[in-house]
Amino acid sequence: MGTITAQRRSRERIVRIAEAGLDAESLRCEVVAELRRAIGFDAWCWPLVDPASNLMTTGIGEIPHWAGLPRVMELREAAPDVFTQLHSVPDRAGEHVEALSRGTRGDLARSIEWREVLGPAGLGDEMRVAFVDTRHCWAQLHLFRGAEDRPFDDEDAQLMRQIDQPVAAALRHAMARPVGPDSGVDFAVGVMMIDQSLRATAQTPATGQWLEYLQPAAVPYGTTVPASLFQLAARVRYAAQSSGNGRANATCRVRLRSADGCWVLAEGQRLDDATGTVVVTLRRASPRDVFDLACLGYRLSTRETEIAAFLVQGLDTATIARRLFVSEHTVYDHVKSLFAKAGVHSRRELVATIA
């Protein structure tokens, strides 16, 4: 009974944290602190997820295996084994929590990721939680216990299932919401070369500025290059392999958020040669680049998204009604719904919020 009561209180505290309107970084730090008291673990990392690409974006964490993250990213984009299948947890209806010990039936060595990276770093079991709403994954939390510690059990997993939805909603809102005044930072486009071993081999001077700008404020990365860029490069690389001819012209992209709330667009494309090198560019995201993210974050309907796009263009109610072949009253009702979802009171505020 004591364990059940303690977990209920932890759940209640985490729900209060989720409802406090915190920014994504503060929210994750406070939830991790509560989880550490509730279930205990030795290391953790908590990347957000770009819902358009399902690629990892801005993450924070305290882990001993920073140097092994490029290999981890490669394994997650390559053909999955017993462990890397856990990355597809969001696709399993109703189940967004999994432990490595359960997925490997107690034999952690069945996981390539554990054998090559986690085990040598002194880690044992891992619990992974995908924070998913009805349609999209917004973040993945990874909790690690030491090699000599007990594995995560069903009670630990149950607590994570109970907080999944409120925390997912809070992260979704935090990703959509503007954070503070615009810093005005806009460096030259950064260019980085990542070879087929996922090593950053060269970069332009502006790239260093972008990488420093993308460092989280509360929990800095343990490496200069964030793992999200290695995952982006791995996605490009394996997309090229799956194309059949070893080359692909498609550009993969992910939106990264800086500590001051600005969005940075990272795009990766493979060089048109036999080296397998991926070119990653970094630039400030335009309002158009993140418009869909804001609409998803505020859970706008298809019609509300259409109207929001027209409002961003500066169109008035009558013009929007003519373009959509609806009445002005219908447009007005949708605009009221937009205000309520975005928590604003005017069209000017709405445009500033979603664009």
Protein backbone atom coordinates (compact mmCIF):
# COMPACT_ATOMS: atom_id res chain seq x y z
CA MET A 1 0.00 0.00 0.00
CA GLY A 2 2.90 2.35 0.78
CA THR A 3 4.35 2.00 -2.72
CA ILE A 4 0.94 2.60 -4.31
CA THR A 5 0.40 5.72 -2.20
CA ALA A 6 3.90 7.05 -3.00
CA GLN A 7 3.39 6.54 -6.72
CA ARG A 8 -0.02 8.21 -6.60
CA ARG A 9 1.54 11.24 -4.92
CA SER A 10 4.34 11.32 -7.47
CA ARG A 11 1.81 11.14 -10.27
CA GLU A 12 -0.16 14.02 -8.76
CA ARG A 13 2.98 16.13 -8.38
CA ILE A 14 4.01 15.46 -11.99
CA VAL A 15 0.54 16.36 -13.26
CA ARG A 16 0.79 19.67 -11.37
CA ILE A 17 4.18 20.31 -12.96
CA ALA A 18 2.70 19.54 -16.39
CA GLU A 19 -0.13 22.01 -15.79
CA ALA A 20 2.16 24.83 -14.64
CA GLY A 21 2.82 26.22 -18.13
CA LEU A 22 6.60 25.79 -17.96
CA ASP A 23 8.93 25.93 -20.93
CA ALA A 24 10.02 22.54 -22.28
CA GLU A 25 13.43 22.56 -20.61
CA SER A 26 12.17 23.54 -17.14
CA LEU A 27 9.31 21.06 -17.41
CA ARG A 28 11.62 18.17 -18.21
CA CYS A 29 14.07 19.03 -15.44
CA GLU A 30 11.32 19.19 -12.80
CA VAL A 31 9.67 15.96 -13.94
CA VAL A 32 13.03 14.14 -13.95
CA ALA A 33 13.71 15.34 -10.39
CA GLU A 34 10.37 13.92 -9.24
CA LEU A 35 10.86 10.65 -11.11
CA ARG A 36 14.30 10.23 -9.58
CA ARG A 37 12.73 10.41 -6.13
CA ALA A 38 9.89 8.08 -7.13
CA ILE A 39 11.61 5.23 -8.97
CA GLY A 40 15.35 5.95 -8.99
CA PHE A 41 17.84 5.80 -11.86
CA ASP A 42 21.47 6.67 -12.56
CA ALA A 43 21.32 8.49 -15.88
CA TRP A 44 18.73 10.02 -18.17
CA CYS A 45 18.21 11.86 -21.42
CA TRP A 46 15.05 13.46 -22.74
CA PRO A 47 15.03 14.65 -26.36
CA LEU A 48 12.03 16.31 -27.91
CA VAL A 49 10.79 14.86 -31.20
CA ASP A 50 9.93 16.75 -34.38
CA PRO A 51 6.44 15.39 -35.13
CA ALA A 52 6.82 15.89 -38.88
CA SER A 53 9.89 13.66 -39.25
CA ASN A 54 9.88 11.72 -35.96
CA LEU A 55 13.52 12.75 -35.65
CA MET A 56 15.02 13.68 -32.30
CA THR A 57 15.34 17.39 -31.75
CA THR A 58 16.50 19.46 -28.78
CA GLY A 59 17.43 17.15 -25.91
CA ILE A 60 18.76 17.44 -22.40
CA GLY A 61 20.29 14.78 -20.20
CA GLU A 62 22.94 13.46 -17.85
CA ILE A 63 24.50 10.33 -19.35
CA PRO A 64 27.94 8.68 -19.34
CA HIS A 65 27.92 7.66 -23.02
CA TRP A 66 28.00 10.96 -24.92
CA ALA A 67 30.81 9.71 -27.16
CA GLY A 68 28.72 6.70 -28.18
CA LEU A 69 25.67 8.69 -29.29
CA PRO A 70 26.58 8.73 -33.02
CA ARG A 71 26.59 4.92 -32.98
CA VAL A 72 23.28 4.88 -31.08
CA MET A 73 21.76 7.16 -33.71
CA GLU A 74 23.05 4.92 -36.49
CA LEU A 75 21.56 1.82 -34.90
CA ARG A 76 18.17 3.47 -34.52
CA GLU A 77 18.06 4.38 -38.19
CA ALA A 78 19.44 1.04 -39.43
CA ALA A 79 17.60 -2.28 -39.43
CA PRO A 80 16.34 -2.65 -35.85
CA ASP A 81 17.28 -5.41 -33.44
CA VAL A 82 15.50 -6.40 -30.25
CA PHE A 83 16.43 -3.16 -28.53
CA THR A 84 16.08 -0.62 -31.33
CA GLN A 85 12.54 -1.83 -32.01
CA LEU A 86 11.65 0.01 -28.82
CA HIS A 87 12.11 3.22 -30.80
CA SER A 88 8.88 2.36 -32.61
CA VAL A 89 6.87 2.35 -29.37
CA PRO A 90 4.69 5.27 -30.62
CA ASP A 91 3.38 2.99 -33.38
CA ARG A 92 2.08 0.43 -30.90
CA ALA A 93 -1.49 1.35 -30.03
CA GLY A 94 -1.89 2.12 -26.35
CA GLU A 95 1.65 1.18 -25.32
CA HIS A 96 4.26 3.91 -25.09
CA VAL A 97 6.44 2.53 -22.27
CA GLU A 98 9.01 -0.23 -22.54
CA ALA A 99 12.06 -1.50 -20.67
CA LEU A 100 15.10 -3.04 -22.29
CA SER A 101 15.03 -5.94 -19.81
CA ARG A 102 11.50 -6.77 -20.88
CA GLY A 103 12.18 -6.41 -24.59
CA THR A 104 15.21 -8.70 -24.35
CA ARG A 105 13.55 -11.11 -21.89
CA GLY A 106 16.20 -10.36 -19.32
CA ASP A 107 19.19 -10.85 -21.62
CA LEU A 108 20.45 -7.30 -22.25
CA ALA A 109 23.23 -8.62 -24.48
CA ARG A 110 20.63 -9.37 -27.16
CA SER A 111 20.65 -5.61 -27.83
CA ILE A 112 23.39 -4.32 -30.13
CA GLU A 113 23.00 -0.88 -28.59
CA TRP A 114 23.57 -2.28 -25.10
CA ARG A 115 26.52 -4.44 -26.17
CA GLU A 116 28.32 -1.68 -28.04
CA VAL A 117 27.43 1.49 -26.10
CA LEU A 118 25.35 1.18 -22.95
CA GLY A 119 27.04 -1.83 -21.34
CA PRO A 120 30.61 -0.55 -21.83
CA ALA A 121 29.47 2.74 -20.24
CA GLY A 122 28.47 0.87 -17.09
CA LEU A 123 24.72 1.00 -17.70
CA GLY A 124 22.22 -1.78 -17.20
CA ASP A 125 18.51 -1.58 -17.83
CA GLU A 126 16.83 1.24 -19.75
CA MET A 127 13.24 2.39 -19.67
CA ARG A 128 11.99 4.35 -22.65
CA VAL A 129 8.82 6.44 -22.66
CA ALA A 130 7.32 8.00 -25.78
CA PHE A 131 5.14 11.00 -25.00
CA VAL A 132 2.40 10.68 -27.57
CA ASP A 133 -0.91 12.41 -28.10
CA THR A 134 -3.60 11.02 -30.37
CA ARG A 135 -1.51 11.53 -33.50
CA HIS A 136 2.11 12.44 -32.85
CA CYS A 137 5.13 11.73 -30.68
CA TRP A 138 6.52 14.88 -29.02
CA ALA A 139 9.36 13.51 -26.90
CA GLN A 140 11.13 10.37 -25.70
CA LEU A 141 12.45 9.94 -22.18
CA HIS A 142 15.26 7.46 -21.55
CA LEU A 143 15.98 6.37 -17.97
CA PHE A 144 19.04 4.23 -17.22
CA ARG A 145 20.04 2.18 -14.22
CA GLY A 146 23.54 1.04 -13.42
CA ALA A 147 24.83 -2.38 -14.41
CA GLU A 148 24.54 -3.66 -10.82
CA ASP A 149 21.09 -2.23 -10.15
CA ARG A 150 17.77 -4.03 -10.41
CA PRO A 151 15.90 -3.73 -13.71
CA PHE A 152 12.84 -1.52 -14.08
CA ASP A 153 9.69 -3.36 -13.04
CA ASP A 154 5.96 -3.20 -13.76
CA GLU A 155 5.32 -0.65 -11.00
CA ASP A 156 7.91 1.68 -12.50
CA ALA A 157 6.32 1.28 -15.92
CA GLN A 158 2.84 1.87 -14.52
CA LEU A 159 3.82 5.27 -13.14
CA MET A 160 5.20 6.24 -16.55
CA ARG A 161 1.96 5.16 -18.25
CA GLN A 162 -0.02 7.32 -15.86
CA ILE A 163 1.95 10.49 -16.63
CA ASP A 164 2.32 9.91 -20.38
CA GLN A 165 -0.72 11.89 -21.54
CA PRO A 166 -0.48 14.98 -19.28
CA VAL A 167 3.25 15.35 -19.94
CA ALA A 168 2.75 14.84 -23.70
CA ALA A 169 0.13 17.61 -23.72
CA ALA A 170 2.41 19.94 -21.76
CA LEU A 171 5.37 19.32 -24.09
CA ARG A 172 3.17 19.81 -27.14
CA HIS A 173 2.04 23.20 -25.84
CA ALA A 174 5.58 24.15 -24.82
CA MET A 175 6.93 23.39 -28.28
CA ALA A 176 4.23 25.50 -29.94
CA ARG A 177 4.42 28.42 -27.54
CA PRO A 178 6.82 31.32 -28.20
CA VAL A 179 9.48 31.63 -25.49
CA GLY A 180 10.53 35.15 -24.53
CA PRO A 181 11.44 38.04 -26.84
CA ASP A 182 13.09 37.37 -30.19
CA SER A 183 16.86 37.38 -29.71
CA GLY A 184 17.45 38.50 -33.29
CA VAL A 185 20.24 35.94 -33.69
CA ASP A 186 20.75 35.10 -37.34
CA PHE A 187 24.22 33.82 -38.18
CA ALA A 188 25.32 32.94 -41.68
CA VAL A 189 24.22 29.51 -42.87
CA GLY A 190 26.31 26.84 -41.17
CA VAL A 191 27.57 23.84 -43.14
CA MET A 192 28.90 20.61 -41.62
CA MET A 193 30.24 17.48 -43.32
CA ILE A 194 29.44 14.14 -41.64
CA ASP A 195 31.10 11.06 -43.09
CA GLN A 196 29.65 7.56 -43.36
CA SER A 197 31.09 6.67 -39.95
CA LEU A 198 29.03 9.55 -38.53
CA ARG A 199 32.02 11.70 -37.72
CA ALA A 200 31.89 15.44 -38.20
CA THR A 201 34.88 15.98 -40.47
CA ALA A 202 34.63 19.65 -41.47
CA GLN A 203 32.49 22.71 -40.91
CA THR A 204 32.27 26.39 -41.76
CA PRO A 205 32.98 29.06 -39.10
CA ALA A 206 29.28 29.89 -38.76
CA THR A 207 28.53 26.27 -37.83
CA GLY A 208 30.35 26.67 -34.54
CA GLN A 209 28.18 29.68 -33.74
CA TRP A 210 25.01 27.70 -34.40
CA LEU A 211 26.20 24.74 -32.32
CA GLU A 212 26.96 26.97 -29.37
CA TYR A 213 23.60 28.72 -29.77
CA LEU A 214 21.80 25.35 -29.66
CA GLN A 215 23.31 24.30 -26.33
CA PRO A 216 20.58 23.89 -23.66
CA ALA A 217 20.79 26.39 -20.82
CA ALA A 218 20.15 24.19 -17.77
CA VAL A 219 21.78 20.89 -18.83
CA PRO A 220 24.41 21.46 -21.57
CA TYR A 221 25.28 18.67 -23.98
CA GLY A 222 28.34 16.58 -23.21
CA THR A 223 29.49 16.99 -26.82
CA THR A 224 29.86 19.88 -29.22
CA VAL A 225 27.62 18.38 -31.90
CA PRO A 226 24.12 17.41 -30.70
CA ALA A 227 23.05 13.82 -31.30
CA SER A 228 20.08 15.05 -33.33
CA LEU A 229 22.43 16.05 -36.17
CA PHE A 230 23.97 12.57 -36.22
CA GLN A 231 20.51 11.03 -36.36
CA LEU A 232 19.64 13.38 -39.23
CA ALA A 233 22.77 12.26 -41.10
CA ALA A 234 21.98 8.60 -40.40
CA ARG A 235 18.43 9.09 -41.71
CA VAL A 236 19.83 10.55 -44.95
CA ARG A 237 22.36 7.74 -45.25
CA TYR A 238 19.87 4.91 -44.82
CA ALA A 239 17.31 6.62 -47.01
CA ALA A 240 19.94 6.59 -49.76
CA GLN A 241 20.63 2.89 -49.21
CA SER A 242 16.94 2.02 -49.33
CA SER A 243 16.53 3.89 -52.62
CA GLY A 244 18.23 0.99 -54.41
CA ASN A 245 20.97 2.92 -56.20
CA GLY A 246 22.86 4.06 -53.12
CA ARG A 247 22.01 7.70 -53.70
CA ALA A 248 19.07 9.82 -52.76
CA ASN A 249 18.21 13.40 -53.67
CA ALA A 250 15.65 13.85 -50.91
CA THR A 251 16.47 16.32 -48.16
CA CYS A 252 15.76 15.28 -44.58
CA ARG A 253 15.08 18.03 -42.07
CA VAL A 254 14.48 18.60 -38.40
CA ARG A 255 13.58 21.70 -36.39
CA LEU A 256 15.82 22.44 -33.36
CA ARG A 257 14.94 24.91 -30.63
CA SER A 258 17.49 27.12 -28.92
CA ALA A 259 17.46 27.93 -25.22
CA ASP A 260 15.91 31.34 -25.93
CA GLY A 261 13.04 29.80 -27.87
CA CYS A 262 14.06 30.44 -31.47
CA TRP A 263 13.82 27.68 -34.06
CA VAL A 264 16.78 26.52 -36.14
CA LEU A 265 16.30 24.41 -39.24
CA ALA A 266 18.78 21.58 -39.86
CA GLU A 267 18.70 19.97 -43.31
CA GLY A 268 20.75 17.00 -44.47
CA GLN A 269 21.51 15.78 -47.97
CA ARG A 270 24.00 13.25 -49.28
CA LEU A 271 26.81 14.34 -51.56
CA ASP A 272 26.46 13.08 -55.11
CA ASP A 273 29.56 10.89 -54.92
CA ALA A 274 30.66 7.52 -53.56
CA THR A 275 31.92 8.74 -50.18
CA GLY A 276 28.60 8.57 -48.36
CA THR A 277 29.24 12.02 -46.87
CA VAL A 278 26.18 13.92 -45.67
CA VAL A 279 26.09 17.71 -45.80
CA VAL A 280 24.13 19.26 -42.93
CA THR A 281 23.13 22.92 -43.09
CA LEU A 282 21.96 25.05 -40.17
CA ARG A 283 19.98 28.24 -40.53
CA ARG A 284 17.33 30.16 -38.70
CA ALA A 285 13.90 28.71 -39.40
CA SER A 286 11.44 30.98 -41.15
CA PRO A 287 7.81 31.32 -39.95
CA ARG A 288 6.80 29.06 -42.84
CA ASP A 289 9.23 26.38 -41.61
CA VAL A 290 7.52 26.10 -38.23
CA PHE A 291 3.92 27.02 -39.07
CA ASP A 292 2.80 23.38 -39.14
CA LEU A 293 4.51 22.76 -35.79
CA ALA A 294 2.52 25.56 -34.17
CA CYS A 295 -0.72 24.28 -35.69
CA LEU A 296 -0.05 20.75 -34.44
CA GLY A 297 0.97 22.08 -31.04
CA TYR A 298 -2.31 23.93 -30.61
CA ARG A 299 -4.25 20.99 -32.11
CA LEU A 300 -5.85 23.04 -34.84
CA SER A 301 -8.28 21.29 -37.15
CA THR A 302 -7.69 21.18 -40.90
CA ARG A 303 -10.08 24.07 -41.49
CA GLU A 304 -8.62 26.08 -38.59
CA THR A 305 -5.16 25.56 -40.06
CA GLU A 306 -6.38 26.87 -43.42
CA ILE A 307 -7.86 29.96 -41.79
CA ALA A 308 -4.75 30.51 -39.66
CA ALA A 309 -2.64 30.47 -42.84
CA PHE A 310 -4.89 33.12 -44.38
CA LEU A 311 -4.68 35.25 -41.24
CA VAL A 312 -0.89 35.06 -41.38
CA GLN A 313 -1.13 36.38 -44.95
CA GLY A 314 -3.14 39.33 -43.63
CA LEU A 315 -6.46 38.48 -45.29
CA ASP A 316 -9.67 39.84 -43.79
CA THR A 317 -12.78 37.86 -42.87
CA ALA A 318 -14.67 38.61 -46.08
CA THR A 319 -11.78 37.52 -48.29
CA ILE A 320 -11.24 34.32 -46.30
CA ALA A 321 -14.95 33.50 -46.56
CA ARG A 322 -14.92 33.94 -50.35
CA ARG A 323 -11.84 31.76 -50.75
CA LEU A 324 -13.28 28.97 -48.64
CA PHE A 325 -16.85 29.31 -49.99
CA VAL A 326 -18.28 29.70 -46.49
CA SER A 327 -20.10 32.47 -44.67
CA GLU A 328 -18.31 35.23 -42.79
CA HIS A 329 -20.08 34.01 -39.65
CA THR A 330 -18.45 30.57 -40.09
CA VAL A 331 -15.03 32.19 -40.44
CA TYR A 332 -15.69 34.26 -37.33
CA ASP A 333 -16.55 31.13 -35.34
CA HIS A 334 -13.34 29.43 -36.46
CA VAL A 335 -11.31 32.51 -35.52
CA LYS A 336 -12.86 32.46 -32.03
CA SER A 337 -11.84 28.82 -31.73
CA LEU A 338 -8.31 29.72 -32.84
CA PHE A 339 -8.10 32.40 -30.16
CA ALA A 340 -9.22 29.94 -27.49
CA LYS A 341 -6.76 27.22 -28.52
CA ALA A 342 -3.79 29.59 -28.77
CA GLY A 343 -4.73 31.53 -25.64
CA VAL A 344 -4.83 34.92 -27.39
CA HIS A 345 -7.39 37.72 -27.78
CA SER A 346 -6.65 39.31 -31.13
CA ARG A 347 -5.60 38.46 -34.66
CA ARG A 348 -2.33 40.26 -34.15
CA GLU A 349 -1.55 38.13 -31.10
CA LEU A 350 -2.54 34.99 -32.98
CA VAL A 351 -0.24 35.74 -35.89
CA ALA A 352 2.62 36.52 -33.50
CA THR A 353 2.00 33.22 -31.73
CA ILE A 354 1.78 30.84 -34.69
CA ALA A 355 4.09 32.61 -37.12
